Full PDB file with SEQRES, HELIX, SHEET, SSBOND, CRYST1, ORIGX, SCALE, CONECT and MASTER records, all heavy atoms in Angstrom:
SEQRES   1 A   36  LEU LEU ASP GLU ARG ASP LYS ASN LYS ASN ASP LYS THR          
SEQRES   2 A   36  ALA LEU ILE ARG LEU GLU GLN ILE SER PRO PHE PRO MET          
SEQRES   3 A   36  LYS GLN VAL ALA GLU VAL LEU LYS SER TYR                      
HELIX    1 AA1 LEU A    2  ASN A    8  1                                   7    
HELIX    2 AA2 MET A   26  LYS A   34  1                                   9    
CRYST1    1.000    1.000    1.000  90.00  90.00  90.00 P 1           1          
ORIGX1      1.000000  0.000000  0.000000        0.00000                         
ORIGX2      0.000000  1.000000  0.000000        0.00000                         
ORIGX3      0.000000  0.000000  1.000000        0.00000                         
SCALE1      1.000000  0.000000  0.000000        0.00000                         
SCALE2      0.000000  1.000000  0.000000        0.00000                         
SCALE3      0.000000  0.000000  1.000000        0.00000                         
ATOM      1  N   LEU A   1      19.946  23.300 -13.214  1.00  0.00           N  
ATOM      2  CA  LEU A   1      18.657  23.938 -13.483  1.00  0.00           C  
ATOM      3  C   LEU A   1      17.681  23.705 -12.343  1.00  0.00           C  
ATOM      4  O   LEU A   1      16.898  24.593 -11.986  1.00  0.00           O  
ATOM      5  CB  LEU A   1      18.075  23.406 -14.794  1.00  0.00           C  
ATOM      6  CG  LEU A   1      18.855  23.723 -16.072  1.00  0.00           C  
ATOM      7  CD1 LEU A   1      18.195  23.054 -17.273  1.00  0.00           C  
ATOM      8  CD2 LEU A   1      18.960  25.216 -16.293  1.00  0.00           C  
ATOM      9  N   LEU A   2      17.729  22.520 -11.759  1.00  0.00           N  
ATOM     10  CA  LEU A   2      16.846  22.200 -10.639  1.00  0.00           C  
ATOM     11  C   LEU A   2      17.133  23.104  -9.441  1.00  0.00           C  
ATOM     12  O   LEU A   2      16.200  23.606  -8.791  1.00  0.00           O  
ATOM     13  CB  LEU A   2      17.015  20.732 -10.254  1.00  0.00           C  
ATOM     14  CG  LEU A   2      16.103  20.187  -9.160  1.00  0.00           C  
ATOM     15  CD1 LEU A   2      14.634  20.294  -9.576  1.00  0.00           C  
ATOM     16  CD2 LEU A   2      16.458  18.734  -8.836  1.00  0.00           C  
ATOM     17  N   ASP A   3      18.413  23.323  -9.143  1.00  0.00           N  
ATOM     18  CA  ASP A   3      18.778  24.214  -8.033  1.00  0.00           C  
ATOM     19  C   ASP A   3      18.257  25.625  -8.272  1.00  0.00           C  
ATOM     20  O   ASP A   3      17.753  26.279  -7.351  1.00  0.00           O  
ATOM     21  CB  ASP A   3      20.299  24.246  -7.862  1.00  0.00           C  
ATOM     22  CG  ASP A   3      20.847  22.956  -7.272  1.00  0.00           C  
ATOM     23  OD1 ASP A   3      20.061  22.200  -6.682  1.00  0.00           O  
ATOM     24  OD2 ASP A   3      22.054  22.700  -7.422  1.00  0.00           O  
ATOM     25  N   GLU A   4      18.379  26.104  -9.516  1.00  0.00           N  
ATOM     26  CA  GLU A   4      17.914  27.450  -9.844  1.00  0.00           C  
ATOM     27  C   GLU A   4      16.398  27.545  -9.741  1.00  0.00           C  
ATOM     28  O   GLU A   4      15.862  28.540  -9.235  1.00  0.00           O  
ATOM     29  CB  GLU A   4      18.367  27.817 -11.264  1.00  0.00           C  
ATOM     30  CG  GLU A   4      17.973  29.212 -11.711  1.00  0.00           C  
ATOM     31  CD  GLU A   4      18.689  30.321 -10.960  1.00  0.00           C  
ATOM     32  OE1 GLU A   4      19.730  30.045 -10.324  1.00  0.00           O  
ATOM     33  OE2 GLU A   4      18.212  31.477 -11.018  1.00  0.00           O  
ATOM     34  N   ARG A   5      15.693  26.531 -10.204  1.00  0.00           N  
ATOM     35  CA  ARG A   5      14.226  26.557 -10.119  1.00  0.00           C  
ATOM     36  C   ARG A   5      13.757  26.529  -8.672  1.00  0.00           C  
ATOM     37  O   ARG A   5      12.817  27.242  -8.298  1.00  0.00           O  
ATOM     38  CB  ARG A   5      13.631  25.370 -10.882  1.00  0.00           C  
ATOM     39  CG  ARG A   5      12.121  25.453 -11.016  1.00  0.00           C  
ATOM     40  CD  ARG A   5      11.541  24.256 -11.719  1.00  0.00           C  
ATOM     41  NE  ARG A   5      11.579  23.062 -10.888  1.00  0.00           N  
ATOM     42  CZ  ARG A   5      11.081  21.881 -11.248  1.00  0.00           C  
ATOM     43  NH1 ARG A   5      10.535  21.755 -12.461  1.00  0.00           N  
ATOM     44  NH2 ARG A   5      11.133  20.834 -10.451  1.00  0.00           N  
ATOM     45  N   ASP A   6      14.404  25.706  -7.848  1.00  0.00           N  
ATOM     46  CA  ASP A   6      14.044  25.641  -6.438  1.00  0.00           C  
ATOM     47  C   ASP A   6      14.284  26.985  -5.748  1.00  0.00           C  
ATOM     48  O   ASP A   6      13.490  27.415  -4.904  1.00  0.00           O  
ATOM     49  CB  ASP A   6      14.852  24.544  -5.730  1.00  0.00           C  
ATOM     50  CG  ASP A   6      14.426  23.150  -6.165  1.00  0.00           C  
ATOM     51  OD1 ASP A   6      13.382  23.037  -6.843  1.00  0.00           O  
ATOM     52  OD2 ASP A   6      15.127  22.182  -5.829  1.00  0.00           O  
ATOM     53  N   LYS A   7      15.376  27.641  -6.119  1.00  0.00           N  
ATOM     54  CA  LYS A   7      15.720  28.925  -5.502  1.00  0.00           C  
ATOM     55  C   LYS A   7      14.669  29.985  -5.815  1.00  0.00           C  
ATOM     56  O   LYS A   7      14.323  30.809  -4.964  1.00  0.00           O  
ATOM     57  CB  LYS A   7      17.103  29.381  -6.000  1.00  0.00           C  
ATOM     58  CG  LYS A   7      17.606  30.649  -5.353  1.00  0.00           C  
ATOM     59  CD  LYS A   7      19.057  30.925  -5.728  1.00  0.00           C  
ATOM     60  CE  LYS A   7      19.171  31.315  -7.187  1.00  0.00           C  
ATOM     61  NZ  LYS A   7      20.560  31.702  -7.546  1.00  0.00           N  
ATOM     62  N   ASN A   8      14.154  29.953  -7.039  1.00  0.00           N  
ATOM     63  CA  ASN A   8      13.177  30.964  -7.470  1.00  0.00           C  
ATOM     64  C   ASN A   8      11.730  30.522  -7.303  1.00  0.00           C  
ATOM     65  O   ASN A   8      10.808  31.274  -7.656  1.00  0.00           O  
ATOM     66  CB  ASN A   8      13.428  31.325  -8.935  1.00  0.00           C  
ATOM     67  CG  ASN A   8      14.771  31.987  -9.134  1.00  0.00           C  
ATOM     68  OD1 ASN A   8      15.206  32.775  -8.299  1.00  0.00           O  
ATOM     69  ND2 ASN A   8      15.446  31.670 -10.230  1.00  0.00           N  
ATOM     70  N   LYS A   9      11.524  29.288  -6.794  1.00  0.00           N  
ATOM     71  CA  LYS A   9      10.167  28.747  -6.590  1.00  0.00           C  
ATOM     72  C   LYS A   9       9.318  28.855  -7.863  1.00  0.00           C  
ATOM     73  O   LYS A   9       8.165  29.276  -7.836  1.00  0.00           O  
ATOM     74  CB  LYS A   9       9.479  29.449  -5.417  1.00  0.00           C  
ATOM     75  CG  LYS A   9      10.159  29.230  -4.078  1.00  0.00           C  
ATOM     76  CD  LYS A   9       9.411  29.912  -2.953  1.00  0.00           C  
ATOM     77  CE  LYS A   9       9.942  29.506  -1.583  1.00  0.00           C  
ATOM     78  NZ  LYS A   9      11.360  29.844  -1.389  1.00  0.00           N  
ATOM     79  N   ASN A  10       9.915  28.471  -8.972  1.00  0.00           N  
ATOM     80  CA  ASN A  10       9.241  28.520 -10.268  1.00  0.00           C  
ATOM     81  C   ASN A  10       8.377  27.274 -10.434  1.00  0.00           C  
ATOM     82  O   ASN A  10       8.890  26.148 -10.447  1.00  0.00           O  
ATOM     83  CB  ASN A  10      10.292  28.601 -11.373  1.00  0.00           C  
ATOM     84  CG  ASN A  10       9.695  28.790 -12.748  1.00  0.00           C  
ATOM     85  OD1 ASN A  10       8.679  28.197 -13.093  1.00  0.00           O  
ATOM     86  ND2 ASN A  10      10.330  29.629 -13.558  1.00  0.00           N  
ATOM     87  N   ASP A  11       7.053  27.459 -10.560  1.00  0.00           N  
ATOM     88  CA  ASP A  11       6.146  26.314 -10.684  1.00  0.00           C  
ATOM     89  C   ASP A  11       5.523  26.201 -12.072  1.00  0.00           C  
ATOM     90  O   ASP A  11       4.570  25.455 -12.275  1.00  0.00           O  
ATOM     91  CB  ASP A  11       5.049  26.377  -9.619  1.00  0.00           C  
ATOM     92  CG  ASP A  11       4.134  27.591  -9.780  1.00  0.00           C  
ATOM     93  OD1 ASP A  11       4.443  28.479 -10.602  1.00  0.00           O  
ATOM     94  OD2 ASP A  11       3.106  27.653  -9.072  1.00  0.00           O  
ATOM     95  N   LYS A  12       6.093  26.954 -13.044  1.00  0.00           N  
ATOM     96  CA  LYS A  12       5.550  26.917 -14.401  1.00  0.00           C  
ATOM     97  C   LYS A  12       6.540  26.339 -15.418  1.00  0.00           C  
ATOM     98  O   LYS A  12       6.225  26.254 -16.601  1.00  0.00           O  
ATOM     99  CB  LYS A  12       5.136  28.329 -14.840  1.00  0.00           C  
ATOM    100  CG  LYS A  12       3.969  28.894 -14.033  1.00  0.00           C  
ATOM    101  CD  LYS A  12       3.553  30.259 -14.553  1.00  0.00           C  
ATOM    102  CE  LYS A  12       2.362  30.793 -13.759  1.00  0.00           C  
ATOM    103  NZ  LYS A  12       1.921  32.122 -14.253  1.00  0.00           N  
ATOM    104  N   THR A  13       7.724  25.956 -14.929  1.00  0.00           N  
ATOM    105  CA  THR A  13       8.755  25.437 -15.826  1.00  0.00           C  
ATOM    106  C   THR A  13       9.126  24.016 -15.425  1.00  0.00           C  
ATOM    107  O   THR A  13       9.709  23.791 -14.365  1.00  0.00           O  
ATOM    108  CB  THR A  13      10.012  26.324 -15.795  1.00  0.00           C  
ATOM    109  OG1 THR A  13       9.650  27.664 -16.163  1.00  0.00           O  
ATOM    110  CG2 THR A  13      11.060  25.797 -16.762  1.00  0.00           C  
ATOM    111  N   ALA A  14       8.771  23.061 -16.263  1.00  0.00           N  
ATOM    112  CA  ALA A  14       9.067  21.655 -15.994  1.00  0.00           C  
ATOM    113  C   ALA A  14      10.441  21.284 -16.540  1.00  0.00           C  
ATOM    114  O   ALA A  14      10.852  21.766 -17.597  1.00  0.00           O  
ATOM    115  CB  ALA A  14       8.002  20.759 -16.621  1.00  0.00           C  
ATOM    116  N   LEU A  15      11.158  20.438 -15.800  1.00  0.00           N  
ATOM    117  CA  LEU A  15      12.472  19.944 -16.213  1.00  0.00           C  
ATOM    118  C   LEU A  15      12.359  18.455 -16.521  1.00  0.00           C  
ATOM    119  O   LEU A  15      12.075  17.652 -15.625  1.00  0.00           O  
ATOM    120  CB  LEU A  15      13.504  20.178 -15.109  1.00  0.00           C  
ATOM    121  CG  LEU A  15      13.725  21.636 -14.684  1.00  0.00           C  
ATOM    122  CD1 LEU A  15      14.690  21.704 -13.512  1.00  0.00           C  
ATOM    123  CD2 LEU A  15      14.257  22.460 -15.850  1.00  0.00           C  
ATOM    124  N   ILE A  16      12.558  18.102 -17.777  1.00  0.00           N  
ATOM    125  CA  ILE A  16      12.416  16.709 -18.208  1.00  0.00           C  
ATOM    126  C   ILE A  16      13.783  16.202 -18.659  1.00  0.00           C  
ATOM    127  O   ILE A  16      14.454  16.837 -19.476  1.00  0.00           O  
ATOM    128  CB  ILE A  16      11.404  16.568 -19.361  1.00  0.00           C  
ATOM    129  CG1 ILE A  16      10.039  17.115 -18.935  1.00  0.00           C  
ATOM    130  CG2 ILE A  16      11.281  15.116 -19.794  1.00  0.00           C  
ATOM    131  CD1 ILE A  16       9.714  18.465 -19.496  1.00  0.00           C  
ATOM    132  N   ARG A  17      14.182  15.059 -18.116  1.00  0.00           N  
ATOM    133  CA  ARG A  17      15.485  14.490 -18.438  1.00  0.00           C  
ATOM    134  C   ARG A  17      15.387  13.509 -19.596  1.00  0.00           C  
ATOM    135  O   ARG A  17      14.651  12.528 -19.520  1.00  0.00           O  
ATOM    136  CB  ARG A  17      16.051  13.772 -17.208  1.00  0.00           C  
ATOM    137  CG  ARG A  17      16.620  14.702 -16.165  1.00  0.00           C  
ATOM    138  CD  ARG A  17      16.972  13.964 -14.893  1.00  0.00           C  
ATOM    139  NE  ARG A  17      15.821  13.809 -14.018  1.00  0.00           N  
ATOM    140  CZ  ARG A  17      15.861  13.190 -12.847  1.00  0.00           C  
ATOM    141  NH1 ARG A  17      16.993  12.634 -12.437  1.00  0.00           N  
ATOM    142  NH2 ARG A  17      14.781  13.110 -12.098  1.00  0.00           N  
ATOM    143  N   LEU A  18      16.131  13.796 -20.650  1.00  0.00           N  
ATOM    144  CA  LEU A  18      16.252  12.862 -21.771  1.00  0.00           C  
ATOM    145  C   LEU A  18      17.451  11.971 -21.467  1.00  0.00           C  
ATOM    146  O   LEU A  18      18.585  12.313 -21.773  1.00  0.00           O  
ATOM    147  CB  LEU A  18      16.444  13.616 -23.087  1.00  0.00           C  
ATOM    148  CG  LEU A  18      16.379  12.775 -24.361  1.00  0.00           C  
ATOM    149  CD1 LEU A  18      14.976  12.202 -24.563  1.00  0.00           C  
ATOM    150  CD2 LEU A  18      16.798  13.590 -25.569  1.00  0.00           C  
ATOM    151  N   GLU A  19      17.194  10.847 -20.833  1.00  0.00           N  
ATOM    152  CA  GLU A  19      18.266   9.955 -20.393  1.00  0.00           C  
ATOM    153  C   GLU A  19      18.845   9.158 -21.560  1.00  0.00           C  
ATOM    154  O   GLU A  19      20.042   8.923 -21.624  1.00  0.00           O  
ATOM    155  CB  GLU A  19      17.735   8.997 -19.327  1.00  0.00           C  
ATOM    156  CG  GLU A  19      17.224   9.683 -18.067  1.00  0.00           C  
ATOM    157  CD  GLU A  19      18.340  10.074 -17.116  1.00  0.00           C  
ATOM    158  OE1 GLU A  19      18.965   9.183 -16.511  1.00  0.00           O  
ATOM    159  OE2 GLU A  19      18.600  11.290 -16.987  1.00  0.00           O  
ATOM    160  N   GLN A  20      17.974   8.742 -22.473  1.00  0.00           N  
ATOM    161  CA  GLN A  20      18.436   8.047 -23.680  1.00  0.00           C  
ATOM    162  C   GLN A  20      18.249   8.982 -24.862  1.00  0.00           C  
ATOM    163  O   GLN A  20      17.125   9.335 -25.210  1.00  0.00           O  
ATOM    164  CB  GLN A  20      17.653   6.751 -23.903  1.00  0.00           C  
ATOM    165  CG  GLN A  20      18.066   6.001 -25.165  1.00  0.00           C  
ATOM    166  CD  GLN A  20      17.363   4.672 -25.310  1.00  0.00           C  
ATOM    167  OE1 GLN A  20      17.600   3.747 -24.529  1.00  0.00           O  
ATOM    168  NE2 GLN A  20      16.492   4.556 -26.300  1.00  0.00           N  
ATOM    169  N   ILE A  21      19.344   9.377 -25.472  1.00  0.00           N  
ATOM    170  CA  ILE A  21      19.277  10.315 -26.586  1.00  0.00           C  
ATOM    171  C   ILE A  21      19.030   9.574 -27.893  1.00  0.00           C  
ATOM    172  O   ILE A  21      18.260  10.014 -28.743  1.00  0.00           O  
ATOM    173  CB  ILE A  21      20.568  11.152 -26.653  1.00  0.00           C  
ATOM    174  CG1 ILE A  21      20.860  11.794 -25.297  1.00  0.00           C  
ATOM    175  CG2 ILE A  21      20.460  12.222 -27.736  1.00  0.00           C  
ATOM    176  CD1 ILE A  21      22.233  12.402 -25.171  1.00  0.00           C  
ATOM    177  N   SER A  22      19.708   8.440 -28.052  1.00  0.00           N  
ATOM    178  CA  SER A  22      19.495   7.610 -29.238  1.00  0.00           C  
ATOM    179  C   SER A  22      19.498   6.136 -28.849  1.00  0.00           C  
ATOM    180  O   SER A  22      20.342   5.726 -28.034  1.00  0.00           O  
ATOM    181  CB  SER A  22      20.590   7.864 -30.274  1.00  0.00           C  
ATOM    182  OG  SER A  22      20.350   7.128 -31.453  1.00  0.00           O  
ATOM    183  N   PRO A  23      18.553   5.349 -29.367  1.00  0.00           N  
ATOM    184  CA  PRO A  23      17.432   5.746 -30.215  1.00  0.00           C  
ATOM    185  C   PRO A  23      16.515   6.746 -29.497  1.00  0.00           C  
ATOM    186  O   PRO A  23      16.228   6.558 -28.298  1.00  0.00           O  
ATOM    187  CB  PRO A  23      16.696   4.432 -30.494  1.00  0.00           C  
ATOM    188  CG  PRO A  23      17.721   3.366 -30.281  1.00  0.00           C  
ATOM    189  CD  PRO A  23      18.585   3.873 -29.176  1.00  0.00           C  
ATOM    190  N   PHE A  24      16.089   7.774 -30.205  1.00  0.00           N  
ATOM    191  CA  PHE A  24      15.283   8.834 -29.603  1.00  0.00           C  
ATOM    192  C   PHE A  24      13.928   8.279 -29.174  1.00  0.00           C  
ATOM    193  O   PHE A  24      13.212   7.690 -29.991  1.00  0.00           O  
ATOM    194  CB  PHE A  24      15.091   9.972 -30.598  1.00  0.00           C  
ATOM    195  CG  PHE A  24      14.437  11.186 -30.007  1.00  0.00           C  
ATOM    196  CD1 PHE A  24      15.178  12.096 -29.284  1.00  0.00           C  
ATOM    197  CD2 PHE A  24      13.077  11.410 -30.170  1.00  0.00           C  
ATOM    198  CE1 PHE A  24      14.590  13.229 -28.739  1.00  0.00           C  
ATOM    199  CE2 PHE A  24      12.472  12.523 -29.633  1.00  0.00           C  
ATOM    200  CZ  PHE A  24      13.229  13.449 -28.908  1.00  0.00           C  
ATOM    201  N   PRO A  25      13.552   8.455 -27.897  1.00  0.00           N  
ATOM    202  CA  PRO A  25      12.285   7.896 -27.387  1.00  0.00           C  
ATOM    203  C   PRO A  25      11.082   8.753 -27.761  1.00  0.00           C  
ATOM    204  O   PRO A  25      10.490   9.430 -26.921  1.00  0.00           O  
ATOM    205  CB  PRO A  25      12.522   7.864 -25.873  1.00  0.00           C  
ATOM    206  CG  PRO A  25      13.468   8.998 -25.625  1.00  0.00           C  
ATOM    207  CD  PRO A  25      14.352   9.092 -26.830  1.00  0.00           C  
ATOM    208  N   MET A  26      10.726   8.742 -29.025  1.00  0.00           N  
ATOM    209  CA  MET A  26       9.679   9.609 -29.564  1.00  0.00           C  
ATOM    210  C   MET A  26       8.348   9.462 -28.824  1.00  0.00           C  
ATOM    211  O   MET A  26       7.687  10.451 -28.471  1.00  0.00           O  
ATOM    212  CB  MET A  26       9.485   9.301 -31.047  1.00  0.00           C  
ATOM    213  CG  MET A  26       8.644  10.313 -31.806  1.00  0.00           C  
ATOM    214  SD  MET A  26       9.534  11.851 -32.141  1.00  0.00           S  
ATOM    215  CE  MET A  26      10.650  11.322 -33.441  1.00  0.00           C  
ATOM    216  N   LYS A  27       7.943   8.224 -28.566  1.00  0.00           N  
ATOM    217  CA  LYS A  27       6.657   7.974 -27.916  1.00  0.00           C  
ATOM    218  C   LYS A  27       6.629   8.556 -26.504  1.00  0.00           C  
ATOM    219  O   LYS A  27       5.655   9.213 -26.110  1.00  0.00           O  
ATOM    220  CB  LYS A  27       6.389   6.462 -27.869  1.00  0.00           C  
ATOM    221  CG  LYS A  27       5.092   6.091 -27.203  1.00  0.00           C  
ATOM    222  CD  LYS A  27       4.901   4.574 -27.160  1.00  0.00           C  
ATOM    223  CE  LYS A  27       3.629   4.200 -26.422  1.00  0.00           C  
ATOM    224  NZ  LYS A  27       3.464   2.711 -26.351  1.00  0.00           N  
ATOM    225  N   GLN A  28       7.689   8.338 -25.734  1.00  0.00           N  
ATOM    226  CA  GLN A  28       7.732   8.831 -24.356  1.00  0.00           C  
ATOM    227  C   GLN A  28       7.755  10.352 -24.303  1.00  0.00           C  
ATOM    228  O   GLN A  28       7.111  10.965 -23.449  1.00  0.00           O  
ATOM    229  CB  GLN A  28       8.947   8.259 -23.620  1.00  0.00           C  
ATOM    230  CG  GLN A  28       8.907   6.757 -23.405  1.00  0.00           C  
ATOM    231  CD  GLN A  28       9.581   5.992 -24.521  1.00  0.00           C  
ATOM    232  OE1 GLN A  28       9.478   6.341 -25.693  1.00  0.00           O  
ATOM    233  NE2 GLN A  28      10.293   4.927 -24.175  1.00  0.00           N  
ATOM    234  N   VAL A  29       8.490  10.970 -25.218  1.00  0.00           N  
ATOM    235  CA  VAL A  29       8.542  12.436 -25.259  1.00  0.00           C  
ATOM    236  C   VAL A  29       7.168  13.008 -25.613  1.00  0.00           C  
ATOM    237  O   VAL A  29       6.710  13.987 -25.014  1.00  0.00           O  
ATOM    238  CB  VAL A  29       9.607  12.914 -26.270  1.00  0.00           C  
ATOM    239  CG1 VAL A  29       9.516  14.426 -26.470  1.00  0.00           C  
ATOM    240  CG2 VAL A  29      10.999  12.536 -25.788  1.00  0.00           C  
ATOM    241  N   ALA A  30       6.481  12.386 -26.566  1.00  0.00           N  
ATOM    242  CA  ALA A  30       5.142  12.843 -26.954  1.00  0.00           C  
ATOM    243  C   ALA A  30       4.171  12.746 -25.788  1.00  0.00           C  
ATOM    244  O   ALA A  30       3.347  13.652 -25.572  1.00  0.00           O  
ATOM    245  CB  ALA A  30       4.638  12.026 -28.134  1.00  0.00           C  
ATOM    246  N   GLU A  31       4.262  11.678 -25.008  1.00  0.00           N  
ATOM    247  CA  GLU A  31       3.381  11.520 -23.849  1.00  0.00           C  
ATOM    248  C   GLU A  31       3.622  12.606 -22.809  1.00  0.00           C  
ATOM    249  O   GLU A  31       2.681  13.100 -22.183  1.00  0.00           O  
ATOM    250  CB  GLU A  31       3.592  10.137 -23.229  1.00  0.00           C  
ATOM    251  CG  GLU A  31       3.028   9.004 -24.085  1.00  0.00           C  
ATOM    252  CD  GLU A  31       3.382   7.625 -23.540  1.00  0.00           C  
ATOM    253  OE1 GLU A  31       4.151   7.572 -22.551  1.00  0.00           O  
ATOM    254  OE2 GLU A  31       2.909   6.629 -24.109  1.00  0.00           O  
ATOM    255  N   VAL A  32       4.886  12.976 -22.625  1.00  0.00           N  
ATOM    256  CA  VAL A  32       5.206  14.049 -21.691  1.00  0.00           C  
ATOM    257  C   VAL A  32       4.591  15.368 -22.161  1.00  0.00           C  
ATOM    258  O   VAL A  32       3.960  16.095 -21.379  1.00  0.00           O  
ATOM    259  CB  VAL A  32       6.739  14.201 -21.528  1.00  0.00           C  
ATOM    260  CG1 VAL A  32       7.075  15.473 -20.753  1.00  0.00           C  
ATOM    261  CG2 VAL A  32       7.307  12.997 -20.810  1.00  0.00           C  
ATOM    262  N   LEU A  33       4.749  15.680 -23.422  1.00  0.00           N  
ATOM    263  CA  LEU A  33       4.214  16.934 -23.958  1.00  0.00           C  
ATOM    264  C   LEU A  33       2.688  16.980 -23.844  1.00  0.00           C  
ATOM    265  O   LEU A  33       2.108  18.030 -23.548  1.00  0.00           O  
ATOM    266  CB  LEU A  33       4.645  17.110 -25.418  1.00  0.00           C  
ATOM    267  CG  LEU A  33       6.140  17.320 -25.659  1.00  0.00           C  
ATOM    268  CD1 LEU A  33       6.432  17.414 -27.154  1.00  0.00           C  
ATOM    269  CD2 LEU A  33       6.651  18.558 -24.942  1.00  0.00           C  
ATOM    270  N   LYS A  34       2.047  15.851 -24.069  1.00  0.00           N  
ATOM    271  CA  LYS A  34       0.583  15.794 -23.988  1.00  0.00           C  
ATOM    272  C   LYS A  34       0.063  16.045 -22.571  1.00  0.00           C  
ATOM    273  O   LYS A  34      -1.081  16.452 -22.382  1.00  0.00           O  
ATOM    274  CB  LYS A  34       0.083  14.432 -24.477  1.00  0.00           C  
ATOM    275  CG  LYS A  34       0.186  14.226 -25.971  1.00  0.00           C  
ATOM    276  CD  LYS A  34      -0.237  12.809 -26.360  1.00  0.00           C  
ATOM    277  CE  LYS A  34      -0.063  12.558 -27.843  1.00  0.00           C  
ATOM    278  NZ  LYS A  34      -0.381  11.147 -28.208  1.00  0.00           N  
ATOM    279  N   SER A  35       0.915  15.811 -21.591  1.00  0.00           N  
ATOM    280  CA  SER A  35       0.481  15.951 -20.189  1.00  0.00           C  
ATOM    281  C   SER A  35       0.442  17.403 -19.722  1.00  0.00           C  
ATOM    282  O   SER A  35      -0.014  17.682 -18.614  1.00  0.00           O  
ATOM    283  CB  SER A  35       1.397  15.146 -19.267  1.00  0.00           C  
ATOM    284  OG  SER A  35       2.695  15.710 -19.218  1.00  0.00           O  
ATOM    285  N   TYR A  36       0.904  18.336 -20.569  1.00  0.00           N  
ATOM    286  CA  TYR A  36       0.926  19.754 -20.195  1.00  0.00           C  
ATOM    287  C   TYR A  36      -0.067  20.531 -21.065  1.00  0.00           C  
ATOM    288  O   TYR A  36       0.280  21.002 -22.151  1.00  0.00           O  
ATOM    289  CB  TYR A  36       2.335  20.335 -20.361  1.00  0.00           C  
ATOM    290  CG  TYR A  36       3.382  19.643 -19.529  1.00  0.00           C  
ATOM    291  CD1 TYR A  36       4.566  19.165 -20.107  1.00  0.00           C  
ATOM    292  CD2 TYR A  36       3.213  19.455 -18.161  1.00  0.00           C  
ATOM    293  CE1 TYR A  36       5.529  18.538 -19.340  1.00  0.00           C  
ATOM    294  CE2 TYR A  36       4.170  18.814 -17.390  1.00  0.00           C  
ATOM    295  CZ  TYR A  36       5.329  18.361 -17.988  1.00  0.00           C  
ATOM    296  OH  TYR A  36       6.274  17.731 -17.223  1.00  0.00           O  
TER     297      TYR A  36                                                      
MASTER        0    0    0    2    0    0    0    6  296    1    0    3          
END                                                                             
């Protein structure tokens, strides 16, 4: 996805990596969403 975004110079689509799926990092995900 990163290669495709770089190719199209898309600056409106953020790519966030969920490195730990479980336990689900609810607090960290919420902080990311709040930043947009």
